[in-house]
Amino acid sequence: MENSTTALLDVEFAPQVSGSGSCSRTAAEISCSCESHGNPSPSMEWRVSGLRVTNSTDRVIREEQLGNTGLRSSLTMRHSQGDTPTLLCLSTNTLGSSSLPLHVPSAEQHTVGFGILKIK
């Protein structure tokens, strides 16, 4: 006669930020997103040019839980036309932290592909 037992394991691990984080730019806004998984569930913070970002009228942070161990965060912020800040997504839990620097397209990259159409 065989005996079997089912066990439920709760494995804890430090957060890992996904390498799929990205930023996009319009004429007036920069939008970035970042995803992290960890157990216990991580918290996320954004840093712009080294300074921690908090929600305000110019900088909006949204978070979405992804199951029991994941978190997706997005940052939308207004910016000056020539301004290209450095952005960092930082994820932490009680076991550690992980971060991902994000590339913000420059104003020149944003306008690439636009030209003048001449009609004769």
N, C-alpha and C. Protein backbone atom coordinates (compact mmCIF):
# COMPACT_ATOMS: atom_id res chain seq x y z
N MET A 1 0.83 -1.17 0.00
CA MET A 1 0.00 0.00 0.00
C MET A 1 0.89 1.25 0.00
N GLU A 2 0.59 2.21 -0.91
CA GLU A 2 1.38 3.43 -0.99
C GLU A 2 0.67 4.56 -0.27
N ASN A 3 1.47 5.36 0.40
CA ASN A 3 0.94 6.56 1.06
C ASN A 3 1.45 7.78 0.31
N SER A 4 0.61 8.76 0.12
CA SER A 4 1.05 10.01 -0.49
C SER A 4 0.52 11.18 0.33
N THR A 5 1.30 12.23 0.33
CA THR A 5 0.94 13.43 1.07
C THR A 5 1.11 14.62 0.15
N THR A 6 0.18 15.53 0.21
CA THR A 6 0.28 16.76 -0.56
C THR A 6 0.76 17.86 0.37
N ALA A 7 1.77 18.60 -0.07
CA ALA A 7 2.30 19.70 0.73
C ALA A 7 2.25 20.98 -0.09
N LEU A 8 1.86 22.05 0.55
CA LEU A 8 1.83 23.35 -0.10
C LEU A 8 3.04 24.13 0.40
N LEU A 9 3.91 24.52 -0.52
CA LEU A 9 5.12 25.26 -0.15
C LEU A 9 4.93 26.74 -0.43
N ASP A 10 5.41 27.56 0.46
CA ASP A 10 5.39 29.01 0.29
C ASP A 10 6.85 29.46 0.23
N VAL A 11 7.40 29.52 -0.96
CA VAL A 11 8.80 29.85 -1.13
C VAL A 11 8.96 31.36 -1.20
N GLU A 12 9.77 31.91 -0.32
CA GLU A 12 10.02 33.35 -0.30
C GLU A 12 11.25 33.67 -1.14
N PHE A 13 11.18 34.81 -1.86
CA PHE A 13 12.33 35.22 -2.66
C PHE A 13 12.32 36.73 -2.85
N ALA A 14 13.53 37.26 -3.04
CA ALA A 14 13.70 38.70 -3.26
C ALA A 14 13.06 39.09 -4.59
N PRO A 15 12.65 40.34 -4.72
CA PRO A 15 12.00 40.75 -5.98
C PRO A 15 12.96 40.75 -7.17
N GLN A 16 12.40 40.48 -8.31
CA GLN A 16 13.12 40.55 -9.58
C GLN A 16 12.32 41.44 -10.52
N VAL A 17 12.94 42.53 -10.96
CA VAL A 17 12.28 43.42 -11.91
C VAL A 17 12.44 42.83 -13.30
N SER A 18 11.34 42.74 -14.02
CA SER A 18 11.35 42.21 -15.38
C SER A 18 12.11 43.16 -16.30
N GLY A 19 12.87 42.59 -17.22
CA GLY A 19 13.61 43.40 -18.18
C GLY A 19 12.74 43.99 -19.27
N SER A 20 11.44 43.77 -19.19
CA SER A 20 10.54 44.26 -20.23
C SER A 20 9.98 45.65 -19.91
N GLY A 21 10.50 46.31 -18.89
CA GLY A 21 10.05 47.67 -18.59
C GLY A 21 10.37 48.59 -19.75
N SER A 22 9.52 49.60 -19.96
CA SER A 22 9.74 50.47 -21.10
C SER A 22 9.15 51.86 -20.86
N CYS A 23 9.60 52.81 -21.70
CA CYS A 23 9.08 54.18 -21.66
C CYS A 23 8.71 54.62 -23.06
N SER A 24 7.72 55.48 -23.14
CA SER A 24 7.35 56.11 -24.40
C SER A 24 7.18 57.60 -24.14
N ARG A 25 7.18 58.36 -25.22
CA ARG A 25 7.15 59.81 -25.08
C ARG A 25 6.20 60.41 -26.10
N THR A 26 5.40 61.38 -25.65
CA THR A 26 4.61 62.19 -26.56
C THR A 26 5.14 63.62 -26.44
N ALA A 27 4.50 64.55 -27.10
CA ALA A 27 4.96 65.93 -27.04
C ALA A 27 4.89 66.49 -25.62
N ALA A 28 3.94 66.01 -24.81
CA ALA A 28 3.74 66.59 -23.49
C ALA A 28 4.01 65.64 -22.32
N GLU A 29 4.08 64.32 -22.58
CA GLU A 29 4.19 63.36 -21.48
C GLU A 29 5.22 62.27 -21.74
N ILE A 30 5.71 61.73 -20.64
CA ILE A 30 6.53 60.52 -20.65
C ILE A 30 5.75 59.48 -19.86
N SER A 31 5.59 58.28 -20.43
CA SER A 31 4.90 57.18 -19.76
C SER A 31 5.83 55.97 -19.69
N CYS A 32 5.97 55.41 -18.48
CA CYS A 32 6.83 54.25 -18.29
C CYS A 32 6.07 53.18 -17.51
N SER A 33 6.46 51.93 -17.73
CA SER A 33 5.88 50.83 -16.96
C SER A 33 6.98 49.87 -16.54
N CYS A 34 6.73 49.19 -15.44
CA CYS A 34 7.72 48.30 -14.85
C CYS A 34 6.97 47.19 -14.12
N GLU A 35 7.52 45.96 -14.15
CA GLU A 35 6.88 44.81 -13.52
C GLU A 35 7.89 44.07 -12.66
N SER A 36 7.44 43.60 -11.49
CA SER A 36 8.32 42.89 -10.57
C SER A 36 7.56 41.74 -9.92
N HIS A 37 8.32 40.68 -9.58
CA HIS A 37 7.76 39.54 -8.86
C HIS A 37 8.65 39.22 -7.67
N GLY A 38 8.04 38.91 -6.54
CA GLY A 38 8.77 38.54 -5.33
C GLY A 38 7.79 37.99 -4.31
N ASN A 39 8.31 37.29 -3.32
CA ASN A 39 7.49 36.76 -2.24
C ASN A 39 8.24 36.94 -0.93
N PRO A 40 7.77 37.81 -0.04
CA PRO A 40 6.48 38.50 -0.05
C PRO A 40 6.37 39.49 -1.22
N SER A 41 5.11 39.81 -1.55
CA SER A 41 4.82 40.69 -2.68
C SER A 41 5.60 42.00 -2.53
N PRO A 42 6.27 42.44 -3.60
CA PRO A 42 7.12 43.62 -3.51
C PRO A 42 6.34 44.94 -3.54
N SER A 43 7.02 45.98 -3.12
CA SER A 43 6.52 47.34 -3.32
C SER A 43 7.38 47.95 -4.41
N MET A 44 6.89 49.01 -5.03
CA MET A 44 7.60 49.61 -6.15
C MET A 44 7.72 51.11 -5.91
N GLU A 45 8.85 51.67 -6.33
CA GLU A 45 8.98 53.12 -6.30
C GLU A 45 9.71 53.56 -7.57
N TRP A 46 9.45 54.79 -7.95
CA TRP A 46 10.06 55.40 -9.13
C TRP A 46 11.03 56.48 -8.69
N ARG A 47 12.14 56.57 -9.41
CA ARG A 47 13.10 57.66 -9.18
C ARG A 47 13.35 58.37 -10.50
N VAL A 48 13.25 59.67 -10.47
CA VAL A 48 13.49 60.49 -11.65
C VAL A 48 14.72 61.34 -11.36
N SER A 49 15.75 61.15 -12.16
CA SER A 49 17.03 61.85 -11.98
C SER A 49 17.50 61.72 -10.53
N GLY A 50 17.33 60.51 -9.95
CA GLY A 50 17.81 60.20 -8.61
C GLY A 50 16.86 60.53 -7.47
N LEU A 51 15.77 61.24 -7.73
CA LEU A 51 14.84 61.64 -6.68
C LEU A 51 13.58 60.79 -6.71
N ARG A 52 13.12 60.39 -5.51
CA ARG A 52 11.91 59.57 -5.41
C ARG A 52 10.70 60.35 -5.88
N VAL A 53 9.83 59.68 -6.65
CA VAL A 53 8.63 60.31 -7.20
C VAL A 53 7.43 59.94 -6.33
N THR A 54 6.59 60.93 -6.06
CA THR A 54 5.32 60.68 -5.39
C THR A 54 4.20 61.17 -6.31
N ASN A 55 2.99 60.68 -6.07
CA ASN A 55 1.85 61.10 -6.88
C ASN A 55 1.63 62.60 -6.73
N SER A 56 1.38 63.26 -7.84
CA SER A 56 1.06 64.69 -7.85
C SER A 56 0.27 64.97 -9.12
N THR A 57 -0.06 66.23 -9.35
CA THR A 57 -0.80 66.56 -10.57
C THR A 57 0.08 66.37 -11.80
N ASP A 58 1.40 66.49 -11.67
CA ASP A 58 2.31 66.34 -12.81
C ASP A 58 2.87 64.93 -12.95
N ARG A 59 2.77 64.12 -11.90
CA ARG A 59 3.34 62.76 -11.91
C ARG A 59 2.35 61.79 -11.29
N VAL A 60 1.80 60.90 -12.13
CA VAL A 60 0.76 59.96 -11.67
C VAL A 60 1.33 58.55 -11.69
N ILE A 61 1.22 57.87 -10.55
CA ILE A 61 1.69 56.49 -10.41
C ILE A 61 0.47 55.59 -10.23
N ARG A 62 0.42 54.52 -11.03
CA ARG A 62 -0.66 53.52 -10.91
C ARG A 62 -0.02 52.17 -10.66
N GLU A 63 -0.67 51.36 -9.82
CA GLU A 63 -0.16 50.02 -9.53
C GLU A 63 -1.25 48.99 -9.71
N GLU A 64 -0.83 47.80 -10.18
CA GLU A 64 -1.75 46.69 -10.41
C GLU A 64 -1.11 45.42 -9.86
N GLN A 65 -1.82 44.75 -8.95
CA GLN A 65 -1.33 43.48 -8.40
C GLN A 65 -1.41 42.40 -9.48
N LEU A 66 -0.37 41.59 -9.57
CA LEU A 66 -0.33 40.46 -10.51
C LEU A 66 -0.24 39.18 -9.70
N GLY A 67 -1.38 38.63 -9.35
CA GLY A 67 -1.40 37.44 -8.50
C GLY A 67 -0.92 37.77 -7.09
N ASN A 68 -0.35 36.77 -6.41
CA ASN A 68 0.11 36.96 -5.03
C ASN A 68 1.54 37.49 -4.94
N THR A 69 2.29 37.40 -6.04
CA THR A 69 3.71 37.74 -5.95
C THR A 69 4.16 38.83 -6.92
N GLY A 70 3.24 39.38 -7.70
CA GLY A 70 3.66 40.34 -8.71
C GLY A 70 3.02 41.70 -8.57
N LEU A 71 3.68 42.69 -9.17
CA LEU A 71 3.20 44.06 -9.14
C LEU A 71 3.64 44.75 -10.43
N ARG A 72 2.70 45.43 -11.08
CA ARG A 72 3.03 46.25 -12.24
C ARG A 72 2.76 47.70 -11.86
N SER A 73 3.72 48.55 -12.15
CA SER A 73 3.60 49.96 -11.83
C SER A 73 3.80 50.78 -13.09
N SER A 74 3.04 51.86 -13.21
CA SER A 74 3.22 52.76 -14.35
C SER A 74 3.33 54.19 -13.84
N LEU A 75 4.14 54.96 -14.53
CA LEU A 75 4.37 56.36 -14.20
C LEU A 75 4.08 57.18 -15.44
N THR A 76 3.23 58.19 -15.30
CA THR A 76 2.97 59.13 -16.38
C THR A 76 3.28 60.51 -15.83
N MET A 77 4.13 61.23 -16.56
CA MET A 77 4.50 62.56 -16.08
C MET A 77 4.63 63.56 -17.21
N ARG A 78 4.31 64.79 -16.89
CA ARG A 78 4.51 65.88 -17.85
C ARG A 78 5.99 66.21 -17.88
N HIS A 79 6.42 66.77 -19.00
CA HIS A 79 7.84 67.13 -19.09
C HIS A 79 8.02 68.31 -20.02
N SER A 80 9.16 68.96 -19.88
CA SER A 80 9.52 70.06 -20.78
C SER A 80 9.99 69.46 -22.10
N GLN A 81 9.86 70.21 -23.16
CA GLN A 81 10.17 69.71 -24.49
C GLN A 81 11.59 69.16 -24.60
N GLY A 82 12.60 69.87 -24.08
CA GLY A 82 13.98 69.41 -24.21
C GLY A 82 14.44 68.52 -23.08
N ASP A 83 13.58 68.25 -22.11
CA ASP A 83 13.94 67.50 -20.91
C ASP A 83 13.92 66.00 -21.17
N THR A 84 15.04 65.32 -20.89
CA THR A 84 15.10 63.86 -20.97
C THR A 84 15.67 63.34 -19.65
N PRO A 85 14.81 63.09 -18.66
CA PRO A 85 15.28 62.65 -17.35
C PRO A 85 15.75 61.20 -17.36
N THR A 86 16.52 60.83 -16.34
CA THR A 86 16.87 59.42 -16.15
C THR A 86 15.82 58.83 -15.22
N LEU A 87 15.34 57.63 -15.55
CA LEU A 87 14.29 56.99 -14.76
C LEU A 87 14.76 55.65 -14.24
N LEU A 88 14.37 55.34 -13.00
CA LEU A 88 14.73 54.08 -12.37
C LEU A 88 13.49 53.51 -11.70
N CYS A 89 13.22 52.24 -11.96
CA CYS A 89 12.14 51.50 -11.31
C CYS A 89 12.81 50.66 -10.21
N LEU A 90 12.38 50.82 -8.96
CA LEU A 90 12.98 50.12 -7.83
C LEU A 90 11.92 49.30 -7.11
N SER A 91 12.20 48.01 -6.96
CA SER A 91 11.27 47.08 -6.31
C SER A 91 11.93 46.51 -5.05
N THR A 92 11.19 46.47 -3.94
CA THR A 92 11.75 45.96 -2.68
C THR A 92 10.73 45.09 -1.95
N ASN A 93 11.25 44.14 -1.19
CA ASN A 93 10.48 43.43 -0.18
C ASN A 93 11.43 43.15 0.99
N THR A 94 10.99 42.38 1.96
CA THR A 94 11.81 42.16 3.16
C THR A 94 13.08 41.36 2.88
N LEU A 95 13.17 40.74 1.71
CA LEU A 95 14.34 39.91 1.39
C LEU A 95 15.35 40.59 0.48
N GLY A 96 15.02 41.77 -0.03
CA GLY A 96 15.98 42.46 -0.89
C GLY A 96 15.33 43.45 -1.82
N SER A 97 16.10 43.84 -2.84
CA SER A 97 15.59 44.80 -3.80
C SER A 97 16.18 44.53 -5.18
N SER A 98 15.55 45.10 -6.18
CA SER A 98 15.99 44.97 -7.56
C SER A 98 15.58 46.25 -8.28
N SER A 99 16.38 46.69 -9.22
CA SER A 99 16.04 47.92 -9.93
C SER A 99 16.31 47.77 -11.42
N LEU A 100 15.69 48.66 -12.20
CA LEU A 100 15.87 48.66 -13.64
C LEU A 100 15.91 50.10 -14.12
N PRO A 101 17.06 50.53 -14.70
CA PRO A 101 17.08 51.86 -15.32
C PRO A 101 16.33 51.79 -16.65
N LEU A 102 15.52 52.80 -16.92
CA LEU A 102 14.71 52.80 -18.13
C LEU A 102 15.16 53.91 -19.07
N HIS A 103 15.18 53.59 -20.35
CA HIS A 103 15.57 54.55 -21.38
C HIS A 103 14.35 55.35 -21.82
N VAL A 104 14.46 56.67 -21.73
CA VAL A 104 13.41 57.55 -22.23
C VAL A 104 13.84 58.06 -23.60
N PRO A 105 13.04 57.83 -24.62
CA PRO A 105 13.41 58.33 -25.94
C PRO A 105 13.58 59.85 -25.90
N SER A 106 14.57 60.37 -26.59
CA SER A 106 14.79 61.81 -26.62
C SER A 106 13.74 62.46 -27.51
N ALA A 107 13.64 63.77 -27.43
CA ALA A 107 12.69 64.50 -28.27
C ALA A 107 13.00 64.27 -29.74
N GLU A 108 14.29 64.15 -30.08
CA GLU A 108 14.68 63.92 -31.47
C GLU A 108 14.21 62.53 -31.92
N GLN A 109 14.35 61.52 -31.06
CA GLN A 109 13.90 60.17 -31.41
C GLN A 109 12.39 60.14 -31.57
N HIS A 110 11.71 60.96 -30.76
CA HIS A 110 10.26 61.00 -30.82
C HIS A 110 9.78 61.53 -32.18
N THR A 111 10.53 62.47 -32.75
CA THR A 111 10.09 63.09 -33.99
C THR A 111 10.63 62.40 -35.24
N VAL A 112 11.50 61.40 -35.06
CA VAL A 112 12.03 60.70 -36.22
C VAL A 112 10.88 60.06 -36.99
N GLY A 113 10.94 60.16 -38.30
CA GLY A 113 9.89 59.56 -39.11
C GLY A 113 8.85 60.57 -39.56
N PHE A 114 8.87 61.76 -38.98
CA PHE A 114 7.95 62.79 -39.41
C PHE A 114 8.67 63.67 -40.42
N GLY A 115 8.04 63.99 -41.50
CA GLY A 115 8.65 64.83 -42.51
C GLY A 115 7.60 65.74 -43.13
N ILE A 116 8.01 66.41 -44.15
CA ILE A 116 7.10 67.33 -44.84
C ILE A 116 6.69 66.67 -46.15
N LEU A 117 5.43 66.61 -46.37
CA LEU A 117 4.89 66.02 -47.59
C LEU A 117 4.62 67.15 -48.58
N LYS A 118 5.26 67.10 -49.72
CA LYS A 118 5.05 68.13 -50.75
C LYS A 118 4.10 67.58 -51.80
N ILE A 119 3.06 68.30 -52.04
CA ILE A 119 2.09 67.91 -53.05
C ILE A 119 2.20 68.86 -54.23
N LYS A 120 2.34 68.31 -55.43
CA LYS A 120 2.45 69.15 -56.63
C LYS A 120 1.15 69.15 -57.39
